[in-house]
Amino acid sequence: MALTVHMSPEAGGRLVLDGFTYDPRVPYTPGEVVRIKVLPAAGYQFAGWSGDVPAGHGDDVPLEVTIGEAPQDIVAHFAPVSKDASELVFDANFENGNGILRYLYRDSRRLVVEPLQVKAANNIWWHFKIHGIVPGEFLVLNVVHCPIAGDSQPVYSYDGVTWQRFTSTRAPYVQKFTAPSVEIARNIPYSYSRTLTLAAEMRGPQVQVQNLAVSEEGRPIKMFRFTDPDEPDTDKRVIWIMARQHAFESHSSWYAEGLARWLLGNHALAAALRRQAIVYVVPMMDVDNVYHGGAGKEQLNALGERVDLNRSWGPNSPWTVIRAAQALLGTLKATHDIAAFIDLHNPWYPDPPHWHIRHTFGTQVTTFAELWSSELAATGSDVQWKHWLRVKAPDQSEDIEPTPGMLTATEYAEQALFSQYEDHLCFTIETPHWHDGYGNPITLASLRAYGEALGRSLARFLGASESE
């Protein structure tokens, strides 16, 4: 069927349909989904769609249209850039901020931003603010970053609390903003300061707030110890959960916060878990890179060597936080059975979300994943949550240069903490970046739901029930 897209005025820009320049001669099949993107010309801004546009989507770029039986006509509107508009001001000079303004095209309200390479790590995290916006205008944002990072669906916020997703999943992004200032990031940010705020909110007899270590730059690394103080610790099993070994993987900290808040709450399963176990939660390991807005993955150390915090769990680790974790875990192992060692991550961008397991824990983690999925489905009230659950064993062909003492966290745990594997867990959770298993955008609510589901399934794994 015919799909006609006009530009008003014609000189306002150009149209791209599914990655190809618009050609009105191309026929479409009813039911086919077409994505229409606009690229404003110099001197113009996009101003919205009209015509046969899905209700409520007149500002979307790209515009997603389902081809119907009848001809469809859509108009892309452009407006001249106002000469009286305020100068756009770029700002990345704040905690966790990252970005360099390479170009500002004043005649088309377009910004080209490149992430800064902190400690020469891959520049895949960006987080900045833009001021001087005319409320209601569309800006064009192009982010030049590490090619392997791929495209994304960034987030933006007007208050630093409520985050929304961009419409587009590919740069250059054309997005409408309704306030004079906006904060933009690759994923929902989780700053170092938030761990301090969370620590201040962790109050009650069932939780102890501790410093696991102090970072190389002098920042306390917060750790929460949950258990029932009225039950003796002697026979309790230990659960260790940590996040943010890679600084750019911000969603893993939100996941850990969701778990911590559930553990502190009055849910019957949380109370049962606290009676049976001592649960340690570290919401942020690489605090220095998070503070500076670094990616943290495969960074350069003082000797010019490529190092990765998650692969430095061998003897004599260069990282204070890892040495402290190993010392504490060694002490715990001497007096308690360590039931679970869980490392929270977000996947490297070309990889889909998954749970990464050690071979020796394959059967029990696969079983646990099914339990976790059922708990996740029951966590939301009127919302269904779903993780892209793909449990996979280590890939021996991973292209990683072996270095002396290189050991991942779960490899360390498998070798140092467990004398048997049945009825024990050791795995990495790679949480989705942008969409859940149903295709819904990842939100703070879904990330917290993941954490709650993890707590509930851990309680059931240890044999707890809500009737205790």
Protein backbone atom coordinates (compact mmCIF):
# COMPACT_ATOMS: atom_id res chain seq x y z
CA MET A 1 0.00 0.00 0.00
CA ALA A 2 1.04 3.63 -0.49
CA LEU A 3 2.78 5.58 2.25
CA THR A 4 3.40 9.22 1.45
CA VAL A 5 5.58 11.39 3.65
CA HIS A 6 5.87 15.12 2.97
CA MET A 7 8.18 17.72 4.42
CA SER A 8 6.90 21.17 5.27
CA PRO A 9 8.76 23.13 4.08
CA GLU A 10 10.59 20.88 1.63
CA ALA A 11 13.92 22.55 2.46
CA GLY A 12 13.50 21.75 6.16
CA GLY A 13 15.42 18.48 6.15
CA ARG A 14 15.44 14.95 4.85
CA LEU A 15 13.63 11.73 5.70
CA VAL A 16 15.04 8.29 6.41
CA LEU A 17 12.85 5.18 6.47
CA ASP A 18 14.34 2.13 8.21
CA GLY A 19 17.84 3.40 7.51
CA PHE A 20 17.23 4.27 3.84
CA THR A 21 16.52 7.64 2.26
CA TYR A 22 12.77 8.01 1.70
CA ASP A 23 11.54 6.92 -1.75
CA PRO A 24 7.78 7.43 -2.36
CA ARG A 25 7.81 4.74 -5.09
CA VAL A 26 8.51 1.93 -2.59
CA PRO A 27 5.36 -0.18 -1.93
CA TYR A 28 4.58 -1.51 1.55
CA THR A 29 2.64 -4.54 2.77
CA PRO A 30 -0.29 -4.11 5.18
CA GLY A 31 0.88 -4.93 8.68
CA GLU A 32 4.47 -3.92 7.93
CA VAL A 33 6.06 -1.59 10.49
CA VAL A 34 8.01 1.37 9.13
CA ARG A 35 10.20 3.69 11.18
CA ILE A 36 10.52 7.24 9.85
CA LYS A 37 13.38 9.46 11.02
CA VAL A 38 14.01 13.11 10.23
CA LEU A 39 17.31 14.92 9.93
CA PRO A 40 16.79 18.72 9.99
CA ALA A 41 18.73 20.86 7.53
CA ALA A 42 20.88 23.80 8.55
CA GLY A 43 18.71 26.67 9.77
CA TYR A 44 15.77 24.41 10.67
CA GLN A 45 14.43 22.41 13.59
CA PHE A 46 12.01 19.53 13.51
CA ALA A 47 8.59 20.62 14.82
CA GLY A 48 6.50 17.42 14.89
CA TRP A 49 4.33 15.18 12.72
CA SER A 50 0.77 15.50 11.42
CA GLY A 51 -1.54 13.41 9.27
CA ASP A 52 -1.98 9.66 9.70
CA VAL A 53 0.12 9.58 12.87
CA PRO A 54 -0.55 7.14 15.73
CA ALA A 55 -2.26 8.95 18.60
CA GLY A 56 0.16 10.34 21.17
CA HIS A 57 3.23 9.89 18.96
CA GLY A 58 3.34 13.20 17.12
CA ASP A 59 6.76 14.03 18.62
CA ASP A 60 8.45 10.65 18.18
CA VAL A 61 11.66 10.40 16.20
CA PRO A 62 11.70 7.89 14.70
CA LEU A 63 7.97 7.69 14.11
CA GLU A 64 6.79 4.08 14.04
CA VAL A 65 3.94 3.50 11.60
CA THR A 66 2.05 0.29 10.91
CA ILE A 67 1.00 0.10 7.25
CA GLY A 68 -2.75 -0.22 6.85
CA GLU A 69 -5.08 -1.19 3.99
CA ALA A 70 -5.73 2.40 2.93
CA PRO A 71 -3.19 4.97 1.70
CA GLN A 72 -1.48 6.91 4.47
CA ASP A 73 -0.20 10.45 4.36
CA ILE A 74 2.18 11.93 6.93
CA VAL A 75 3.72 15.39 7.14
CA ALA A 76 7.03 16.19 8.84
CA HIS A 77 7.02 19.81 9.98
CA PHE A 78 10.12 21.97 10.31
CA ALA A 79 10.53 25.49 11.66
CA PRO A 80 13.34 27.99 11.21
CA VAL A 81 15.73 28.15 14.14
CA SER A 82 14.95 31.29 16.13
CA LYS A 83 17.73 33.84 16.10
CA ASP A 84 16.57 34.90 19.56
CA ALA A 85 16.98 31.43 21.10
CA SER A 86 19.34 31.21 24.05
CA GLU A 87 22.81 29.81 23.51
CA LEU A 88 22.92 26.10 24.33
CA VAL A 89 25.29 25.42 27.23
CA PHE A 90 26.90 22.01 27.68
CA ASP A 91 27.95 20.83 31.15
CA ALA A 92 29.65 17.60 32.23
CA ASN A 93 31.48 19.09 35.21
CA PHE A 94 29.67 17.25 38.00
CA GLU A 95 29.95 13.94 39.83
CA ASN A 96 29.67 11.01 37.39
CA GLY A 97 29.54 13.47 34.49
CA ASN A 98 31.33 12.58 31.29
CA GLY A 99 31.38 14.24 27.92
CA ILE A 100 33.28 16.63 25.66
CA LEU A 101 31.37 19.02 23.41
CA ARG A 102 33.08 18.64 20.05
CA TYR A 103 30.74 20.74 17.91
CA LEU A 104 27.76 22.99 18.48
CA TYR A 105 25.86 23.81 15.29
CA ARG A 106 23.98 26.94 16.30
CA ASP A 107 22.00 27.14 13.07
CA SER A 108 20.41 23.71 13.62
CA ARG A 109 20.54 23.33 17.44
CA ARG A 110 22.71 20.26 17.05
CA LEU A 111 25.40 19.03 19.45
CA VAL A 112 28.17 16.53 18.79
CA VAL A 113 29.48 14.99 22.01
CA GLU A 114 32.33 12.57 22.61
CA PRO A 115 32.81 10.73 25.92
CA LEU A 116 36.06 11.33 27.74
CA GLN A 117 38.37 8.33 28.16
CA VAL A 118 38.94 8.13 31.91
CA LYS A 119 42.15 6.20 32.63
CA ALA A 120 42.22 5.35 28.91
CA ALA A 121 39.33 2.89 29.27
CA ASN A 122 36.92 2.48 26.36
CA ASN A 123 34.85 5.68 26.21
CA ILE A 124 31.39 4.16 26.43
CA TRP A 125 29.79 6.10 29.31
CA TRP A 126 28.36 9.57 28.88
CA HIS A 127 26.37 11.74 31.26
CA PHE A 128 25.91 15.49 30.82
CA LYS A 129 23.51 18.42 31.03
CA ILE A 130 22.28 20.90 28.46
CA HIS A 131 21.04 24.35 29.45
CA GLY A 132 19.48 27.15 27.42
CA ILE A 133 16.77 25.01 25.81
CA VAL A 134 13.64 26.70 24.52
CA PRO A 135 10.93 24.52 26.15
CA GLY A 136 9.20 22.48 23.48
CA GLU A 137 12.03 22.54 20.96
CA PHE A 138 13.69 19.52 19.35
CA LEU A 139 17.46 19.21 19.66
CA VAL A 140 19.73 16.97 17.59
CA LEU A 141 22.32 15.05 19.57
CA ASN A 142 25.08 12.98 18.04
CA VAL A 143 27.29 11.01 20.41
CA VAL A 144 30.59 9.76 19.00
CA HIS A 145 31.77 6.84 21.06
CA CYS A 146 33.67 3.55 21.02
CA PRO A 147 32.36 1.64 17.98
CA ILE A 148 31.96 -1.63 19.88
CA ALA A 149 29.56 0.10 22.26
CA GLY A 150 26.94 0.20 19.52
CA ASP A 151 23.79 2.27 19.73
CA SER A 152 21.59 2.84 22.74
CA GLN A 153 18.31 4.30 23.94
CA PRO A 154 19.50 7.06 26.26
CA VAL A 155 17.62 8.53 29.22
CA TYR A 156 16.86 12.11 30.15
CA SER A 157 15.57 13.86 33.25
CA TYR A 158 14.50 17.36 34.23
CA ASP A 159 14.94 16.82 37.97
CA GLY A 160 17.56 14.04 38.28
CA VAL A 161 14.94 11.75 39.81
CA THR A 162 12.41 10.81 37.13
CA TRP A 163 14.02 9.39 34.00
CA GLN A 164 12.49 8.95 30.55
CA ARG A 165 13.81 7.14 27.49
CA PHE A 166 14.65 8.79 24.19
CA THR A 167 12.43 7.63 21.35
CA SER A 168 15.36 6.69 19.14
CA THR A 169 17.82 3.85 19.64
CA ARG A 170 20.38 5.19 17.19
CA ALA A 171 22.33 8.42 16.89
CA PRO A 172 21.87 11.10 15.78
CA TYR A 173 19.01 11.48 18.26
CA VAL A 174 16.24 13.99 17.55
CA GLN A 175 14.39 14.58 20.80
CA LYS A 176 11.89 17.09 22.13
CA PHE A 177 12.60 18.68 25.52
CA THR A 178 10.04 20.62 27.55
CA ALA A 179 12.23 22.37 30.13
CA PRO A 180 15.11 24.88 29.91
CA SER A 181 17.62 22.33 31.24
CA VAL A 182 17.92 18.58 30.82
CA GLU A 183 20.22 15.85 32.15
CA ILE A 184 21.12 13.11 29.66
CA ALA A 185 22.90 9.79 30.17
CA ARG A 186 23.53 6.52 28.38
CA ASN A 187 21.66 4.62 31.10
CA ILE A 188 19.92 5.61 34.32
CA PRO A 189 22.82 7.03 36.36
CA TYR A 190 23.73 5.79 39.81
CA SER A 191 26.32 8.07 41.40
CA TYR A 192 28.72 7.37 44.23
CA SER A 193 26.84 9.90 46.38
CA ARG A 194 23.73 7.77 46.06
CA THR A 195 25.49 4.91 47.85
CA LEU A 196 26.13 7.30 50.74
CA THR A 197 22.47 8.34 50.73
CA LEU A 198 21.38 4.71 50.64
CA ALA A 199 23.74 3.93 53.52
CA ALA A 200 22.13 6.70 55.60
CA GLU A 201 18.69 5.21 54.89
CA MET A 202 19.69 1.66 55.87
CA ARG A 203 18.51 1.86 59.47
CA GLY A 204 17.25 -0.82 61.83
CA PRO A 205 18.45 -3.71 63.97
CA GLN A 206 18.43 -6.07 60.98
CA VAL A 207 21.14 -4.16 59.06
CA GLN A 208 24.67 -3.04 59.80
CA VAL A 209 26.23 -0.40 57.54
CA GLN A 210 29.96 -1.01 57.19
CA ASN A 211 32.88 0.14 55.05
CA LEU A 212 34.23 -2.80 53.11
CA ALA A 213 37.32 -0.73 52.27
CA VAL A 214 38.51 2.74 51.37
CA SER A 215 39.26 3.27 47.69
CA GLU A 216 42.60 4.29 46.21
CA GLU A 217 41.33 7.89 46.14
CA GLY A 218 40.02 7.78 49.71
CA ARG A 219 36.30 7.08 49.21
CA PRO A 220 34.56 4.67 51.63
CA ILE A 221 33.09 1.63 49.86
CA LYS A 222 29.79 0.92 51.57
CA MET A 223 28.64 -2.60 52.47
CA PHE A 224 25.38 -3.68 54.11
CA ARG A 225 25.13 -6.74 56.37
CA PHE A 226 21.58 -8.05 56.80
CA THR A 227 20.57 -10.66 59.37
CA ASP A 228 18.18 -11.22 62.27
CA PRO A 229 20.01 -10.16 65.45
CA ASP A 230 17.67 -12.25 67.60
CA GLU A 231 18.86 -15.46 65.95
CA PRO A 232 22.41 -16.69 66.68
CA ASP A 233 24.78 -16.39 63.71
CA THR A 234 26.41 -19.76 64.35
CA ASP A 235 24.45 -21.88 61.89
CA LYS A 236 23.54 -19.19 59.38
CA ARG A 237 24.67 -19.48 55.79
CA VAL A 238 26.33 -16.52 54.06
CA ILE A 239 25.16 -14.85 50.84
CA TRP A 240 27.51 -12.40 49.09
CA ILE A 241 26.14 -10.01 46.45
CA MET A 242 28.10 -7.17 44.88
CA ALA A 243 27.60 -4.74 42.00
CA ARG A 244 29.40 -2.21 39.84
CA GLN A 245 32.77 -3.83 39.31
CA HIS A 246 32.56 -1.99 35.99
CA ALA A 247 31.73 1.66 36.55
CA PHE A 248 29.59 2.20 33.44
CA GLU A 249 27.20 -0.63 34.40
CA SER A 250 24.94 1.67 36.41
CA HIS A 251 21.87 -0.56 36.39
CA SER A 252 23.62 -3.17 38.50
CA SER A 253 23.70 -0.69 41.41
CA TRP A 254 19.97 -0.05 41.06
CA TYR A 255 19.44 -3.81 41.11
CA ALA A 256 21.49 -4.05 44.33
CA GLU A 257 19.54 -1.17 45.88
CA GLY A 258 16.25 -2.92 45.09
CA LEU A 259 17.55 -6.02 46.86
CA ALA A 260 18.82 -4.02 49.86
CA ARG A 261 15.53 -2.21 50.35
CA TRP A 262 13.63 -5.50 50.16
CA LEU A 263 15.97 -7.11 52.70
CA LEU A 264 15.35 -4.21 55.07
CA GLY A 265 11.58 -4.48 54.70
CA ASN A 266 8.84 -6.43 56.45
CA HIS A 267 8.10 -8.99 53.73
CA ALA A 268 7.68 -12.42 55.34
CA LEU A 269 10.27 -13.96 53.03
CA ALA A 270 12.76 -11.19 53.86
CA ALA A 271 12.30 -11.87 57.57
CA ALA A 272 12.70 -15.62 56.97
CA LEU A 273 15.88 -15.06 54.94
CA ARG A 274 17.36 -12.88 57.68
CA ARG A 275 16.69 -15.64 60.22
CA GLN A 276 18.54 -18.22 58.14
CA ALA A 277 21.32 -16.23 56.53
CA ILE A 278 23.75 -13.35 56.74
CA VAL A 279 23.44 -11.38 53.50
CA TYR A 280 26.16 -8.98 52.41
CA VAL A 281 25.33 -6.41 49.72
CA VAL A 282 27.97 -4.13 48.18
CA PRO A 283 26.16 -1.77 45.77
CA MET A 284 29.30 -0.25 44.23
CA MET A 285 32.81 -1.68 44.03
CA ASP A 286 34.64 0.68 41.62
CA VAL A 287 33.68 3.90 43.38
CA ASP A 288 36.49 6.06 41.96
CA ASN A 289 35.66 5.43 38.32
CA VAL A 290 31.96 5.95 39.02
CA TYR A 291 32.74 9.27 40.69
CA HIS A 292 34.76 10.48 37.69
CA GLY A 293 32.28 9.20 35.10
CA GLY A 294 34.66 6.54 33.84
CA ALA A 295 33.78 3.28 32.13
CA GLY A 296 36.34 1.32 34.15
CA LYS A 297 36.60 -1.65 31.84
CA GLU A 298 40.17 -2.53 30.76
CA GLN A 299 41.66 0.71 32.03
CA LEU A 300 45.34 1.60 32.18
CA ASN A 301 47.13 1.35 35.50
CA ALA A 302 50.18 3.34 36.62
CA LEU A 303 52.47 0.89 34.80
CA GLY A 304 50.64 1.33 31.50
CA GLU A 305 49.06 -2.13 31.70
CA ARG A 306 45.46 -2.92 30.78
CA VAL A 307 43.66 -3.95 33.97
CA ASP A 308 40.07 -4.83 34.75
CA LEU A 309 38.73 -4.85 38.29
CA ASN A 310 36.52 -7.87 37.62
CA ARG A 311 39.51 -9.85 36.32
CA SER A 312 41.86 -8.95 39.16
CA TRP A 313 40.67 -11.46 41.76
CA GLY A 314 43.90 -13.46 41.71
CA PRO A 315 46.55 -13.38 44.45
CA ASN A 316 47.90 -9.95 45.38
CA SER A 317 45.16 -8.03 43.56
CA PRO A 318 46.10 -4.40 42.87
CA TRP A 319 42.67 -3.24 44.09
CA THR A 320 42.11 -2.44 47.76
CA VAL A 321 38.42 -3.34 47.56
CA ILE A 322 39.16 -6.80 46.18
CA ARG A 323 41.80 -7.55 48.79
CA ALA A 324 39.33 -6.47 51.49
CA ALA A 325 36.56 -8.62 50.02
CA GLN A 326 38.84 -11.64 49.80
CA ALA A 327 39.95 -11.19 53.41
CA LEU A 328 36.39 -10.92 54.69
CA LEU A 329 35.16 -13.86 52.61
CA GLY A 330 38.08 -15.97 53.84
CA THR A 331 37.15 -15.18 57.44
CA LEU A 332 33.49 -15.97 56.80
CA LYS A 333 34.32 -19.27 55.15
CA ALA A 334 36.16 -20.41 58.28
CA THR A 335 32.99 -20.18 60.38
CA HIS A 336 30.05 -20.34 57.94
CA ASP A 337 28.87 -22.15 54.85
CA ILE A 338 28.85 -19.69 51.94
CA ALA A 339 25.61 -20.47 50.15
CA ALA A 340 25.84 -17.98 47.28
CA PHE A 341 28.30 -15.65 45.56
CA ILE A 342 26.52 -13.39 43.05
CA ASP A 343 28.12 -10.66 40.93
CA LEU A 344 25.77 -8.07 39.37
CA HIS A 345 26.67 -6.61 35.96
CA ASN A 346 25.19 -5.21 32.77
CA PRO A 347 26.36 -6.97 29.61
CA TRP A 348 29.07 -5.69 27.31
CA TYR A 349 27.10 -3.86 24.63
CA PRO A 350 27.22 -6.37 21.74
CA ASP A 351 26.00 -9.15 24.10
CA PRO A 352 22.37 -9.75 25.08
CA PRO A 353 21.47 -9.98 28.78
CA HIS A 354 22.21 -13.34 30.37
CA TRP A 355 23.35 -15.13 33.50
CA HIS A 356 26.98 -16.17 33.25
CA ILE A 357 27.78 -19.29 35.28
CA ARG A 358 30.72 -21.46 36.21
CA HIS A 359 30.50 -24.97 34.74
CA THR A 360 30.41 -26.58 38.19
CA PHE A 361 27.28 -24.61 39.15
CA GLY A 362 25.38 -25.16 35.90
CA THR A 363 22.59 -27.41 37.16
CA GLN A 364 21.79 -25.49 40.34
CA VAL A 365 21.93 -22.05 38.69
CA THR A 366 19.67 -23.20 35.86
CA THR A 367 17.17 -24.43 38.43
CA PHE A 368 17.54 -21.22 40.43
CA ALA A 369 16.96 -19.13 37.28
CA GLU A 370 13.56 -20.77 36.80
CA LEU A 371 12.70 -20.02 40.42
CA TRP A 372 13.83 -16.41 39.98
CA SER A 373 11.74 -16.00 36.82
CA SER A 374 8.59 -17.13 38.60
CA GLU A 375 9.30 -14.78 41.50
CA LEU A 376 9.89 -11.90 39.09
CA ALA A 377 6.56 -12.54 37.38
CA ALA A 378 4.88 -12.32 40.79
CA THR A 379 6.70 -9.19 41.92
CA GLY A 380 4.85 -6.51 39.98
CA SER A 381 1.30 -5.56 40.88
CA ASP A 382 -0.29 -4.65 37.56
CA VAL A 383 2.96 -4.94 35.57
CA GLN A 384 4.64 -8.06 34.24
CA TRP A 385 8.43 -8.02 34.46
CA LYS A 386 10.69 -10.29 32.51
CA HIS A 387 14.46 -10.66 32.18
CA TRP A 388 16.06 -11.93 29.00
CA LEU A 389 17.10 -15.08 30.80
CA ARG A 390 19.79 -16.92 28.92
CA VAL A 391 21.98 -18.95 31.22
CA LYS A 392 25.34 -19.66 29.65
CA ALA A 393 28.59 -21.26 30.77
CA PRO A 394 31.97 -19.56 30.31
CA ASP A 395 33.20 -19.23 26.76
CA GLN A 396 36.72 -20.59 26.69
CA SER A 397 37.39 -18.75 23.43
CA GLU A 398 36.90 -15.26 24.88
CA ASP A 399 39.42 -12.90 23.35
CA ILE A 400 41.06 -11.75 26.56
CA GLU A 401 44.81 -11.46 26.92
CA PRO A 402 45.84 -13.72 29.81
CA THR A 403 47.93 -12.00 32.45
CA PRO A 404 49.54 -13.40 35.58
CA GLY A 405 47.05 -13.54 38.42
CA MET A 406 44.07 -12.73 36.18
CA LEU A 407 40.97 -14.24 37.70
CA THR A 408 37.34 -13.17 37.54
CA ALA A 409 35.30 -12.80 40.70
CA THR A 410 33.29 -15.96 40.11
CA GLU A 411 36.41 -17.93 39.18
CA TYR A 412 37.94 -16.83 42.47
CA ALA A 413 34.79 -17.79 44.38
CA GLU A 414 34.55 -21.19 42.71
CA GLN A 415 38.14 -22.00 43.67
CA ALA A 416 38.43 -20.35 47.09
CA LEU A 417 35.00 -20.40 48.72
CA PHE A 418 33.27 -23.64 47.82
CA SER A 419 34.27 -27.17 48.78
CA GLN A 420 31.09 -28.58 47.26
CA TYR A 421 28.74 -27.26 44.60
CA GLU A 422 25.38 -28.92 45.19
CA ASP A 423 22.93 -26.61 46.98
CA HIS A 424 25.27 -23.64 46.34
CA LEU A 425 25.20 -20.77 43.83
CA CYS A 426 27.97 -18.90 42.03
CA PHE A 427 27.14 -16.79 38.98
CA THR A 428 27.07 -13.38 37.32
CA ILE A 429 23.80 -11.64 36.45
CA GLU A 430 24.02 -9.51 33.30
CA THR A 431 20.98 -7.23 33.59
CA PRO A 432 19.43 -5.65 30.46
CA HIS A 433 20.47 -2.13 29.50
CA TRP A 434 17.41 -0.82 27.70
CA HIS A 435 14.59 -3.37 27.29
CA ASP A 436 13.22 -6.28 29.25
CA GLY A 437 12.16 -9.64 27.86
CA TYR A 438 8.80 -8.24 26.75
CA GLY A 439 10.39 -5.33 24.89
CA ASN A 440 9.40 -2.81 27.57
CA PRO A 441 11.91 -0.05 28.40
CA ILE A 442 13.99 -0.74 31.49
CA THR A 443 12.91 1.60 34.30
CA LEU A 444 13.83 2.09 37.95
CA ALA A 445 10.71 0.12 38.83
CA SER A 446 11.80 -2.88 36.78
CA LEU A 447 15.35 -2.77 38.16
CA ARG A 448 14.05 -2.69 41.73
CA ALA A 449 11.70 -5.54 40.87
CA TYR A 450 14.70 -7.58 39.69
CA GLY A 451 16.36 -7.01 43.07
CA GLU A 452 13.24 -7.96 45.01
CA ALA A 453 12.79 -11.11 42.94
CA LEU A 454 16.40 -12.05 43.64
CA GLY A 455 15.79 -11.74 47.37
CA ARG A 456 12.60 -13.77 47.27
CA SER A 457 14.16 -16.55 45.21
CA LEU A 458 17.24 -16.67 47.47
CA ALA A 459 14.94 -17.08 50.47
CA ARG A 460 13.12 -19.95 48.77
CA PHE A 461 16.44 -21.46 47.67
CA LEU A 462 17.40 -21.71 51.33
CA GLY A 463 14.07 -23.35 52.11
CA ALA A 464 12.33 -20.35 53.63
CA SER A 465 8.58 -19.84 53.32
CA GLU A 466 6.20 -16.97 53.99
CA SER A 467 4.42 -18.99 56.66
CA GLU A 468 7.43 -19.18 58.99
